[in-house]
Amino acid sequence: MKRYCLALDLVDNPVLIAEYEAYHKAIWPEITESIKGSGIEAMEIYRTGNRLFMIMEVNEEFSFEAKGAADAANPKVQEWENLMWKYQQALPNAKPGEKWLLTDKIFSL
């Protein structure tokens, strides 16, 4: 099993952050299905201030390219992603249109 860690910022607004967290306490079933169907075995999101960290554990079938293509073809995932952009903002070093950025592991014990 492979692990990926990603980061993203939220709009720094307590009301919007609370709404974002509420959506993630009850994500749409179609979103859960698209996550699991892509080969993601486990996913957690952590927050400090307005910075988010996502940890994904994936199986050997997972690829970011395949997940991106499947998401682009799924109207419900696109609806979710468009809704989430109300709350999210790209990291300062993100390229145009990028959301979650992969982080580099710099330490392991």
PDB file of N, CA and C in Angstrom:
ATOM      1  N   MET A   1       0.861  -1.178   0.000  1.00  0.00           N
ATOM      2  CA  MET A   1       0.000   0.000   0.000  1.00  0.00           C
ATOM      3  C   MET A   1       0.902   1.234   0.000  1.00  0.00           C
ATOM      4  N   LYS A   2       0.544   2.188  -0.833  1.00  0.00           N
ATOM      5  CA  LYS A   2       1.310   3.421  -0.945  1.00  0.00           C
ATOM      6  C   LYS A   2       0.544   4.546  -0.264  1.00  0.00           C
ATOM      7  N   ARG A   3       1.274   5.506   0.302  1.00  0.00           N
ATOM      8  CA  ARG A   3       0.660   6.635   0.996  1.00  0.00           C
ATOM      9  C   ARG A   3       1.071   7.933   0.306  1.00  0.00           C
ATOM     10  N   TYR A   4       0.087   8.813   0.138  1.00  0.00           N
ATOM     11  CA  TYR A   4       0.331  10.146  -0.395  1.00  0.00           C
ATOM     12  C   TYR A   4      -0.192  11.163   0.606  1.00  0.00           C
ATOM     13  N   CYS A   5       0.536  12.265   0.760  1.00  0.00           N
ATOM     14  CA  CYS A   5       0.096  13.374   1.596  1.00  0.00           C
ATOM     15  C   CYS A   5      -0.005  14.607   0.717  1.00  0.00           C
ATOM     16  N   LEU A   6      -1.121  15.303   0.851  1.00  0.00           N
ATOM     17  CA  LEU A   6      -1.388  16.470   0.019  1.00  0.00           C
ATOM     18  C   LEU A   6      -1.798  17.635   0.912  1.00  0.00           C
ATOM     19  N   ALA A   7      -1.656  18.854   0.394  1.00  0.00           N
ATOM     20  CA  ALA A   7      -2.012  20.046   1.158  1.00  0.00           C
ATOM     21  C   ALA A   7      -2.841  20.997   0.303  1.00  0.00           C
ATOM     22  N   LEU A   8      -3.657  21.776   0.985  1.00  0.00           N
ATOM     23  CA  LEU A   8      -4.534  22.769   0.354  1.00  0.00           C
ATOM     24  C   LEU A   8      -4.927  23.773   1.417  1.00  0.00           C
ATOM     25  N   ASP A   9      -5.213  24.994   1.036  1.00  0.00           N
ATOM     26  CA  ASP A   9      -5.703  26.000   1.972  1.00  0.00           C
ATOM     27  C   ASP A   9      -7.204  26.190   1.815  1.00  0.00           C
ATOM     28  N   LEU A  10      -7.825  26.600   2.896  1.00  0.00           N
ATOM     29  CA  LEU A  10      -9.215  27.041   2.873  1.00  0.00           C
ATOM     30  C   LEU A  10      -9.226  28.562   2.898  1.00  0.00           C
ATOM     31  N   VAL A  11     -10.312  29.148   2.419  1.00  0.00           N
ATOM     32  CA  VAL A  11     -10.517  30.580   2.584  1.00  0.00           C
ATOM     33  C   VAL A  11     -10.522  30.827   4.088  1.00  0.00           C
ATOM     34  N   ASP A  12      -9.768  31.812   4.541  1.00  0.00           N
ATOM     35  CA  ASP A  12      -9.584  32.045   5.977  1.00  0.00           C
ATOM     36  C   ASP A  12     -10.778  32.816   6.547  1.00  0.00           C
ATOM     37  N   ASN A  13     -11.884  32.088   6.680  1.00  0.00           N
ATOM     38  CA  ASN A  13     -13.133  32.652   7.169  1.00  0.00           C
ATOM     39  C   ASN A  13     -13.777  31.592   8.056  1.00  0.00           C
ATOM     40  N   PRO A  14     -13.942  31.864   9.352  1.00  0.00           N
ATOM     41  CA  PRO A  14     -14.473  30.837  10.267  1.00  0.00           C
ATOM     42  C   PRO A  14     -15.827  30.261   9.860  1.00  0.00           C
ATOM     43  N   VAL A  15     -16.699  31.075   9.305  1.00  0.00           N
ATOM     44  CA  VAL A  15     -18.016  30.590   8.882  1.00  0.00           C
ATOM     45  C   VAL A  15     -17.862  29.602   7.727  1.00  0.00           C
ATOM     46  N   LEU A  16     -17.045  29.963   6.739  1.00  0.00           N
ATOM     47  CA  LEU A  16     -16.838  29.074   5.594  1.00  0.00           C
ATOM     48  C   LEU A  16     -16.113  27.794   6.005  1.00  0.00           C
ATOM     49  N   ILE A  17     -15.158  27.911   6.918  1.00  0.00           N
ATOM     50  CA  ILE A  17     -14.449  26.715   7.397  1.00  0.00           C
ATOM     51  C   ILE A  17     -15.422  25.773   8.095  1.00  0.00           C
ATOM     52  N   ALA A  18     -16.319  26.320   8.902  1.00  0.00           N
ATOM     53  CA  ALA A  18     -17.323  25.484   9.581  1.00  0.00           C
ATOM     54  C   ALA A  18     -18.239  24.801   8.565  1.00  0.00           C
ATOM     55  N   GLU A  19     -18.644  25.513   7.520  1.00  0.00           N
ATOM     56  CA  GLU A  19     -19.476  24.910   6.474  1.00  0.00           C
ATOM     57  C   GLU A  19     -18.717  23.785   5.769  1.00  0.00           C
ATOM     58  N   TYR A  20     -17.454  24.020   5.462  1.00  0.00           N
ATOM     59  CA  TYR A  20     -16.628  23.016   4.790  1.00  0.00           C
ATOM     60  C   TYR A  20     -16.541  21.748   5.636  1.00  0.00           C
ATOM     61  N   GLU A  21     -16.297  21.925   6.921  1.00  0.00           N
ATOM     62  CA  GLU A  21     -16.213  20.764   7.806  1.00  0.00           C
ATOM     63  C   GLU A  21     -17.555  20.037   7.890  1.00  0.00           C
ATOM     64  N   ALA A  22     -18.656  20.791   7.901  1.00  0.00           N
ATOM     65  CA  ALA A  22     -19.982  20.164   7.938  1.00  0.00           C
ATOM     66  C   ALA A  22     -20.210  19.298   6.703  1.00  0.00           C
ATOM     67  N   TYR A  23     -19.819  19.783   5.530  1.00  0.00           N
ATOM     68  CA  TYR A  23     -19.943  18.977   4.309  1.00  0.00           C
ATOM     69  C   TYR A  23     -19.137  17.688   4.429  1.00  0.00           C
ATOM     70  N   HIS A  24     -17.982  17.759   5.077  1.00  0.00           N
ATOM     71  CA  HIS A  24     -17.118  16.585   5.164  1.00  0.00           C
ATOM     72  C   HIS A  24     -17.533  15.609   6.271  1.00  0.00           C
ATOM     73  N   LYS A  25     -18.459  16.020   7.100  1.00  0.00           N
ATOM     74  CA  LYS A  25     -19.017  15.076   8.085  1.00  0.00           C
ATOM     75  C   LYS A  25     -20.096  14.205   7.444  1.00  0.00           C
ATOM     76  N   ALA A  26     -20.573  14.625   6.295  1.00  0.00           N
ATOM     77  CA  ALA A  26     -21.619  13.875   5.588  1.00  0.00           C
ATOM     78  C   ALA A  26     -21.418  14.038   4.084  1.00  0.00           C
ATOM     79  N   ILE A  27     -20.272  13.536   3.579  1.00  0.00           N
ATOM     80  CA  ILE A  27     -20.029  13.701   2.142  1.00  0.00           C
ATOM     81  C   ILE A  27     -21.064  12.904   1.353  1.00  0.00           C
ATOM     82  N   TRP A  28     -21.287  13.363   0.157  1.00  0.00           N
ATOM     83  CA  TRP A  28     -22.276  12.719  -0.698  1.00  0.00           C
ATOM     84  C   TRP A  28     -21.848  11.281  -0.994  1.00  0.00           C
ATOM     85  N   PRO A  29     -22.800  10.355  -1.074  1.00  0.00           N
ATOM     86  CA  PRO A  29     -22.458   8.952  -1.358  1.00  0.00           C
ATOM     87  C   PRO A  29     -21.715   8.766  -2.678  1.00  0.00           C
ATOM     88  N   GLU A  30     -22.025   9.581  -3.666  1.00  0.00           N
ATOM     89  CA  GLU A  30     -21.344   9.478  -4.958  1.00  0.00           C
ATOM     90  C   GLU A  30     -19.854   9.832  -4.834  1.00  0.00           C
ATOM     91  N   ILE A  31     -19.532  10.698  -3.882  1.00  0.00           N
ATOM     92  CA  ILE A  31     -18.135  11.084  -3.670  1.00  0.00           C
ATOM     93  C   ILE A  31     -17.394   9.934  -2.999  1.00  0.00           C
ATOM     94  N   THR A  32     -18.018   9.331  -2.000  1.00  0.00           N
ATOM     95  CA  THR A  32     -17.419   8.157  -1.355  1.00  0.00           C
ATOM     96  C   THR A  32     -17.183   7.054  -2.380  1.00  0.00           C
ATOM     97  N   GLU A  33     -18.167   6.836  -3.230  1.00  0.00           N
ATOM     98  CA  GLU A  33     -18.057   5.802  -4.264  1.00  0.00           C
ATOM     99  C   GLU A  33     -16.908   6.099  -5.232  1.00  0.00           C
ATOM    100  N   SER A  34     -16.761   7.357  -5.637  1.00  0.00           N
ATOM    101  CA  SER A  34     -15.688   7.694  -6.573  1.00  0.00           C
ATOM    102  C   SER A  34     -14.313   7.559  -5.928  1.00  0.00           C
ATOM    103  N   ILE A  35     -14.222   7.855  -4.648  1.00  0.00           N
ATOM    104  CA  ILE A  35     -12.949   7.715  -3.924  1.00  0.00           C
ATOM    105  C   ILE A  35     -12.564   6.247  -3.836  1.00  0.00           C
ATOM    106  N   LYS A  36     -13.483   5.442  -3.335  1.00  0.00           N
ATOM    107  CA  LYS A  36     -13.195   4.015  -3.165  1.00  0.00           C
ATOM    108  C   LYS A  36     -12.982   3.316  -4.499  1.00  0.00           C
ATOM    109  N   GLY A  37     -13.751   3.706  -5.505  1.00  0.00           N
ATOM    110  CA  GLY A  37     -13.651   3.071  -6.812  1.00  0.00           C
ATOM    111  C   GLY A  37     -12.353   3.356  -7.542  1.00  0.00           C
ATOM    112  N   SER A  38     -11.626   4.375  -7.093  1.00  0.00           N
ATOM    113  CA  SER A  38     -10.384   4.748  -7.764  1.00  0.00           C
ATOM    114  C   SER A  38      -9.169   4.003  -7.223  1.00  0.00           C
ATOM    115  N   GLY A  39      -9.366   3.243  -6.140  1.00  0.00           N
ATOM    116  CA  GLY A  39      -8.234   2.542  -5.548  1.00  0.00           C
ATOM    117  C   GLY A  39      -7.731   3.181  -4.266  1.00  0.00           C
ATOM    118  N   ILE A  40      -8.433   4.196  -3.780  1.00  0.00           N
ATOM    119  CA  ILE A  40      -8.072   4.798  -2.498  1.00  0.00           C
ATOM    120  C   ILE A  40      -8.696   3.933  -1.403  1.00  0.00           C
ATOM    121  N   GLU A  41      -7.845   3.361  -0.565  1.00  0.00           N
ATOM    122  CA  GLU A  41      -8.289   2.456   0.497  1.00  0.00           C
ATOM    123  C   GLU A  41      -8.625   3.208   1.787  1.00  0.00           C
ATOM    124  N   ALA A  42      -7.920   4.294   2.039  1.00  0.00           N
ATOM    125  CA  ALA A  42      -8.157   5.095   3.247  1.00  0.00           C
ATOM    126  C   ALA A  42      -7.816   6.542   2.934  1.00  0.00           C
ATOM    127  N   MET A  43      -8.579   7.462   3.529  1.00  0.00           N
ATOM    128  CA  MET A  43      -8.337   8.884   3.324  1.00  0.00           C
ATOM    129  C   MET A  43      -8.698   9.618   4.609  1.00  0.00           C
ATOM    130  N   GLU A  44      -7.814  10.507   5.021  1.00  0.00           N
ATOM    131  CA  GLU A  44      -8.065  11.362   6.176  1.00  0.00           C
ATOM    132  C   GLU A  44      -7.674  12.778   5.793  1.00  0.00           C
ATOM    133  N   ILE A  45      -8.419  13.759   6.338  1.00  0.00           N
ATOM    134  CA  ILE A  45      -8.077  15.163   6.136  1.00  0.00           C
ATOM    135  C   ILE A  45      -7.942  15.793   7.522  1.00  0.00           C
ATOM    136  N   TYR A  46      -6.842  16.530   7.710  1.00  0.00           N
ATOM    137  CA  TYR A  46      -6.573  17.240   8.952  1.00  0.00           C
ATOM    138  C   TYR A  46      -6.502  18.726   8.651  1.00  0.00           C
ATOM    139  N   ARG A  47      -6.832  19.538   9.669  1.00  0.00           N
ATOM    140  CA  ARG A  47      -6.812  20.984   9.493  1.00  0.00           C
ATOM    141  C   ARG A  47      -6.080  21.656  10.650  1.00  0.00           C
ATOM    142  N   THR A  48      -5.280  22.650  10.335  1.00  0.00           N
ATOM    143  CA  THR A  48      -4.747  23.588  11.321  1.00  0.00           C
ATOM    144  C   THR A  48      -4.948  24.976  10.738  1.00  0.00           C
ATOM    145  N   GLY A  49      -5.657  25.813  11.459  1.00  0.00           N
ATOM    146  CA  GLY A  49      -6.007  27.122  10.904  1.00  0.00           C
ATOM    147  C   GLY A  49      -6.790  26.923   9.622  1.00  0.00           C
ATOM    148  N   ASN A  50      -6.289  27.500   8.530  1.00  0.00           N
ATOM    149  CA  ASN A  50      -6.972  27.308   7.246  1.00  0.00           C
ATOM    150  C   ASN A  50      -6.198  26.365   6.323  1.00  0.00           C
ATOM    151  N   ARG A  51      -5.186  25.671   6.841  1.00  0.00           N
ATOM    152  CA  ARG A  51      -4.399  24.730   6.031  1.00  0.00           C
ATOM    153  C   ARG A  51      -4.919  23.318   6.250  1.00  0.00           C
ATOM    154  N   LEU A  52      -5.122  22.612   5.135  1.00  0.00           N
ATOM    155  CA  LEU A  52      -5.580  21.220   5.166  1.00  0.00           C
ATOM    156  C   LEU A  52      -4.454  20.289   4.745  1.00  0.00           C
ATOM    157  N   PHE A  53      -4.435  19.111   5.359  1.00  0.00           N
ATOM    158  CA  PHE A  53      -3.533  18.034   4.958  1.00  0.00           C
ATOM    159  C   PHE A  53      -4.357  16.777   4.744  1.00  0.00           C
ATOM    160  N   MET A  54      -4.203  16.164   3.598  1.00  0.00           N
ATOM    161  CA  MET A  54      -4.903  14.925   3.267  1.00  0.00           C
ATOM    162  C   MET A  54      -3.885  13.792   3.208  1.00  0.00           C
ATOM    163  N   ILE A  55      -4.241  12.690   3.849  1.00  0.00           N
ATOM    164  CA  ILE A  55      -3.420  11.487   3.783  1.00  0.00           C
ATOM    165  C   ILE A  55      -4.252  10.412   3.099  1.00  0.00           C
ATOM    166  N   MET A  56      -3.710   9.871   2.013  1.00  0.00           N
ATOM    167  CA  MET A  56      -4.391   8.821   1.260  1.00  0.00           C
ATOM    168  C   MET A  56      -3.515   7.574   1.259  1.00  0.00           C
ATOM    169  N   GLU A  57      -4.146   6.447   1.509  1.00  0.00           N
ATOM    170  CA  GLU A  57      -3.488   5.160   1.318  1.00  0.00           C
ATOM    171  C   GLU A  57      -4.184   4.498   0.146  1.00  0.00           C
ATOM    172  N   VAL A  58      -3.375   4.109  -0.845  1.00  0.00           N
ATOM    173  CA  VAL A  58      -3.935   3.628  -2.102  1.00  0.00           C
ATOM    174  C   VAL A  58      -3.404   2.239  -2.426  1.00  0.00           C
ATOM    175  N   ASN A  59      -4.193   1.505  -3.221  1.00  0.00           N
ATOM    176  CA  ASN A  59      -3.746   0.187  -3.662  1.00  0.00           C
ATOM    177  C   ASN A  59      -2.966   0.312  -4.973  1.00  0.00           C
ATOM    178  N   GLU A  60      -2.533  -0.828  -5.484  1.00  0.00           N
ATOM    179  CA  GLU A  60      -1.681  -0.822  -6.683  1.00  0.00           C
ATOM    180  C   GLU A  60      -2.431  -0.376  -7.943  1.00  0.00           C
ATOM    181  N   GLU A  61      -3.753  -0.353  -7.909  1.00  0.00           N
ATOM    182  CA  GLU A  61      -4.541   0.062  -9.077  1.00  0.00           C
ATOM    183  C   GLU A  61      -4.702   1.581  -9.183  1.00  0.00           C
ATOM    184  N   PHE A  62      -4.388   2.303  -8.114  1.00  0.00           N
ATOM    185  CA  PHE A  62      -4.610   3.750  -8.094  1.00  0.00           C
ATOM    186  C   PHE A  62      -3.611   4.487  -8.980  1.00  0.00           C
ATOM    187  N   SER A  63      -4.120   5.503  -9.689  1.00  0.00           N
ATOM    188  CA  SER A  63      -3.246   6.470 -10.362  1.00  0.00           C
ATOM    189  C   SER A  63      -3.958   7.817 -10.349  1.00  0.00           C
ATOM    190  N   PHE A  64      -3.176   8.881 -10.183  1.00  0.00           N
ATOM    191  CA  PHE A  64      -3.751  10.225 -10.193  1.00  0.00           C
ATOM    192  C   PHE A  64      -4.374  10.542 -11.547  1.00  0.00           C
ATOM    193  N   GLU A  65      -3.756  10.032 -12.611  1.00  0.00           N
ATOM    194  CA  GLU A  65      -4.269  10.297 -13.959  1.00  0.00           C
ATOM    195  C   GLU A  65      -5.644   9.660 -14.156  1.00  0.00           C
ATOM    196  N   ALA A  66      -5.783   8.392 -13.755  1.00  0.00           N
ATOM    197  CA  ALA A  66      -7.061   7.697 -13.896  1.00  0.00           C
ATOM    198  C   ALA A  66      -8.125   8.340 -13.004  1.00  0.00           C
ATOM    199  N   LYS A  67      -7.754   8.719 -11.794  1.00  0.00           N
ATOM    200  CA  LYS A  67      -8.708   9.367 -10.883  1.00  0.00           C
ATOM    201  C   LYS A  67      -9.163  10.693 -11.484  1.00  0.00           C
ATOM    202  N   GLY A  68      -8.235  11.474 -12.030  1.00  0.00           N
ATOM    203  CA  GLY A  68      -8.587  12.753 -12.641  1.00  0.00           C
ATOM    204  C   GLY A  68      -9.526  12.595 -13.827  1.00  0.00           C
ATOM    205  N   ALA A  69      -9.259  11.596 -14.660  1.00  0.00           N
ATOM    206  CA  ALA A  69     -10.118  11.350 -15.827  1.00  0.00           C
ATOM    207  C   ALA A  69     -11.510  10.905 -15.393  1.00  0.00           C
ATOM    208  N   ALA A  70     -11.574  10.013 -14.418  1.00  0.00           N
ATOM    209  CA  ALA A  70     -12.876   9.528 -13.928  1.00  0.00           C
ATOM    210  C   ALA A  70     -13.660  10.677 -13.291  1.00  0.00           C
ATOM    211  N   ASP A  71     -12.978  11.514 -12.517  1.00  0.00           N
ATOM    212  CA  ASP A  71     -13.648  12.652 -11.882  1.00  0.00           C
ATOM    213  C   ASP A  71     -14.170  13.638 -12.920  1.00  0.00           C
ATOM    214  N   ALA A  72     -13.381  13.888 -13.957  1.00  0.00           N
ATOM    215  CA  ALA A  72     -13.795  14.828 -15.003  1.00  0.00           C
ATOM    216  C   ALA A  72     -15.036  14.337 -15.742  1.00  0.00           C
ATOM    217  N   ALA A  73     -15.217  13.020 -15.805  1.00  0.00           N
ATOM    218  CA  ALA A  73     -16.361  12.436 -16.518  1.00  0.00           C
ATOM    219  C   ALA A  73     -17.568  12.202 -15.608  1.00  0.00           C
ATOM    220  N   ASN A  74     -17.444  12.522 -14.330  1.00  0.00           N
ATOM    221  CA  ASN A  74     -18.511  12.249 -13.369  1.00  0.00           C
ATOM    222  C   ASN A  74     -19.182  13.571 -12.974  1.00  0.00           C
ATOM    223  N   PRO A  75     -20.412  13.811 -13.440  1.00  0.00           N
ATOM    224  CA  PRO A  75     -21.080  15.089 -13.160  1.00  0.00           C
ATOM    225  C   PRO A  75     -21.258  15.369 -11.669  1.00  0.00           C
ATOM    226  N   LYS A  76     -21.500  14.339 -10.867  1.00  0.00           N
ATOM    227  CA  LYS A  76     -21.697  14.555  -9.428  1.00  0.00           C
ATOM    228  C   LYS A  76     -20.381  14.957  -8.758  1.00  0.00           C
ATOM    229  N   VAL A  77     -19.276  14.357  -9.177  1.00  0.00           N
ATOM    230  CA  VAL A  77     -17.971  14.755  -8.639  1.00  0.00           C
ATOM    231  C   VAL A  77     -17.667  16.188  -9.056  1.00  0.00           C
ATOM    232  N   GLN A  78     -17.982  16.550 -10.287  1.00  0.00           N
ATOM    233  CA  GLN A  78     -17.754  17.922 -10.743  1.00  0.00           C
ATOM    234  C   GLN A  78     -18.606  18.914  -9.947  1.00  0.00           C
ATOM    235  N   GLU A  79     -19.841  18.532  -9.645  1.00  0.00           N
ATOM    236  CA  GLU A  79     -20.709  19.385  -8.830  1.00  0.00           C
ATOM    237  C   GLU A  79     -20.086  19.599  -7.450  1.00  0.00           C
ATOM    238  N   TRP A  80     -19.596  18.506  -6.833  1.00  0.00           N
ATOM    239  CA  TRP A  80     -18.946  18.574  -5.519  1.00  0.00           C
ATOM    240  C   TRP A  80     -17.706  19.468  -5.589  1.00  0.00           C
ATOM    241  N   GLU A  81     -16.858  19.239  -6.581  1.00  0.00           N
ATOM    242  CA  GLU A  81     -15.616  20.006  -6.699  1.00  0.00           C
ATOM    243  C   GLU A  81     -15.900  21.492  -6.895  1.00  0.00           C
ATOM    244  N   ASN A  82     -16.886  21.819  -7.703  1.00  0.00           N
ATOM    245  CA  ASN A  82     -17.256  23.225  -7.900  1.00  0.00           C
ATOM    246  C   ASN A  82     -17.769  23.849  -6.608  1.00  0.00           C
ATOM    247  N   LEU A  83     -18.556  23.089  -5.852  1.00  0.00           N
ATOM    248  CA  LEU A  83     -19.044  23.563  -4.560  1.00  0.00           C
ATOM    249  C   LEU A  83     -17.885  23.785  -3.596  1.00  0.00           C
ATOM    250  N   MET A  84     -16.930  22.863  -3.563  1.00  0.00           N
ATOM    251  CA  MET A  84     -15.813  22.965  -2.628  1.00  0.00           C
ATOM    252  C   MET A  84     -14.920  24.171  -2.930  1.00  0.00           C
ATOM    253  N   TRP A  85     -14.865  24.618  -4.190  1.00  0.00           N
ATOM    254  CA  TRP A  85     -14.048  25.787  -4.523  1.00  0.00           C
ATOM    255  C   TRP A  85     -14.544  27.040  -3.812  1.00  0.00           C
ATOM    256  N   LYS A  86     -15.777  27.050  -3.331  1.00  0.00           N
ATOM    257  CA  LYS A  86     -16.277  28.180  -2.535  1.00  0.00           C
ATOM    258  C   LYS A  86     -15.462  28.312  -1.255  1.00  0.00           C
ATOM    259  N   TYR A  87     -14.964  27.198  -0.760  1.00  0.00           N
ATOM    260  CA  TYR A  87     -14.267  27.145   0.529  1.00  0.00           C
ATOM    261  C   TYR A  87     -12.749  27.042   0.385  1.00  0.00           C
ATOM    262  N   GLN A  88     -12.285  26.536  -0.725  1.00  0.00           N
ATOM    263  CA  GLN A  88     -10.868  26.246  -0.909  1.00  0.00           C
ATOM    264  C   GLN A  88     -10.174  27.376  -1.654  1.00  0.00           C
ATOM    265  N   GLN A  89      -8.873  27.477  -1.391  1.00  0.00           N
ATOM    266  CA  GLN A  89      -8.031  28.373  -2.183  1.00  0.00           C
ATOM    267  C   GLN A  89      -6.696  27.681  -2.389  1.00  0.00           C
ATOM    268  N   ALA A  90      -6.137  27.903  -3.530  1.00  0.00           N
ATOM    269  CA  ALA A  90      -4.885  27.240  -3.877  1.00  0.00           C
ATOM    270  C   ALA A  90      -3.756  27.705  -2.978  1.00  0.00           C
ATOM    271  N   LEU A  91      -2.800  26.820  -2.759  1.00  0.00           N
ATOM    272  CA  LEU A  91      -1.584  27.194  -2.041  1.00  0.00           C
ATOM    273  C   LEU A  91      -0.821  28.239  -2.857  1.00  0.00           C
ATOM    274  N   PRO A  92      -0.024  29.067  -2.190  1.00  0.00           N
ATOM    275  CA  PRO A  92       0.704  30.117  -2.920  1.00  0.00           C
ATOM    276  C   PRO A  92       1.584  29.590  -4.055  1.00  0.00           C
ATOM    277  N   ASN A  93       2.092  28.371  -3.935  1.00  0.00           N
ATOM    278  CA  ASN A  93       2.980  27.825  -4.965  1.00  0.00           C
ATOM    279  C   ASN A  93       2.247  26.957  -5.990  1.00  0.00           C
ATOM    280  N   ALA A  94       0.911  26.951  -5.965  1.00  0.00           N
ATOM    281  CA  ALA A  94       0.132  26.149  -6.916  1.00  0.00           C
ATOM    282  C   ALA A  94       0.116  26.815  -8.286  1.00  0.00           C
ATOM    283  N   LYS A  95       0.048  25.970  -9.301  1.00  0.00           N
ATOM    284  CA  LYS A  95      -0.125  26.462 -10.669  1.00  0.00           C
ATOM    285  C   LYS A  95      -1.610  26.758 -10.887  1.00  0.00           C
ATOM    286  N   PRO A  96      -1.953  27.558 -11.885  1.00  0.00           N
ATOM    287  CA  PRO A  96      -3.369  27.852 -12.137  1.00  0.00           C
ATOM    288  C   PRO A  96      -4.200  26.570 -12.278  1.00  0.00           C
ATOM    289  N   GLY A  97      -5.320  26.523 -11.548  1.00  0.00           N
ATOM    290  CA  GLY A  97      -6.218  25.379 -11.603  1.00  0.00           C
ATOM    291  C   GLY A  97      -5.867  24.243 -10.671  1.00  0.00           C
ATOM    292  N   GLU A  98      -4.697  24.271 -10.035  1.00  0.00           N
ATOM    293  CA  GLU A  98      -4.321  23.196  -9.112  1.00  0.00           C
ATOM    294  C   GLU A  98      -5.001  23.387  -7.768  1.00  0.00           C
ATOM    295  N   LYS A  99      -5.413  22.275  -7.200  1.00  0.00           N
ATOM    296  CA  LYS A  99      -5.997  22.300  -5.864  1.00  0.00           C
ATOM    297  C   LYS A  99      -5.018  21.647  -4.894  1.00  0.00           C
ATOM    298  N   TRP A 100      -5.299  20.406  -4.566  1.00  0.00           N
ATOM    299  CA  TRP A 100      -4.454  19.670  -3.630  1.00  0.00           C
ATOM    300  C   TRP A 100      -3.077  19.449  -4.238  1.00  0.00           C
ATOM    301  N   LEU A 101      -2.036  19.789  -3.494  1.00  0.00           N
ATOM    302  CA  LEU A 101      -0.660  19.592  -3.957  1.00  0.00           C
ATOM    303  C   LEU A 101       0.000  18.471  -3.162  1.00  0.00           C
ATOM    304  N   LEU A 102       0.714  17.622  -3.870  1.00  0.00           N
ATOM    305  CA  LEU A 102       1.479  16.573  -3.211  1.00  0.00           C
ATOM    306  C   LEU A 102       2.578  17.197  -2.360  1.00  0.00           C
ATOM    307  N   THR A 103       2.801  16.624  -1.196  1.00  0.00           N
ATOM    308  CA  THR A 103       3.886  17.078  -0.336  1.00  0.00           C
ATOM    309  C   THR A 103       5.055  16.110  -0.463  1.00  0.00           C
ATOM    310  N   ASP A 104       6.223  16.580  -0.102  1.00  0.00           N
ATOM    311  CA  ASP A 104       7.427  15.739  -0.123  1.00  0.00           C
ATOM    312  C   ASP A 104       7.701  15.236   1.282  1.00  0.00           C
ATOM    313  N   LYS A 105       7.906  13.923   1.403  1.00  0.00           N
ATOM    314  CA  LYS A 105       8.280  13.367   2.698  1.00  0.00           C
ATOM    315  C   LYS A 105       9.723  13.768   2.970  1.00  0.00           C
ATOM    316  N   ILE A 106       9.954  14.405   4.127  1.00  0.00           N
ATOM    317  CA  ILE A 106      11.305  14.836   4.468  1.00  0.00           C
ATOM    318  C   ILE A 106      11.838  14.126   5.703  1.00  0.00           C
ATOM    319  N   PHE A 107      10.998  13.291   6.364  1.00  0.00           N
ATOM    320  CA  PHE A 107      11.440  12.569   7.545  1.00  0.00           C
ATOM    321  C   PHE A 107      10.571  11.344   7.733  1.00  0.00           C
ATOM    322  N   SER A 108      11.185  10.282   8.203  1.00  0.00           N
ATOM    323  CA  SER A 108      10.465   9.063   8.535  1.00  0.00           C
ATOM    324  C   SER A 108      11.188   8.384   9.690  1.00  0.00           C
ATOM    325  N   LEU A 109      10.449   7.899  10.672  1.00  0.00           N
ATOM    326  CA  LEU A 109      11.021   7.219  11.836  1.00  0.00           C
ATOM    327  C   LEU A 109      10.637   5.764  11.805  1.00  0.00           C
TER     328      LEU A 109
END
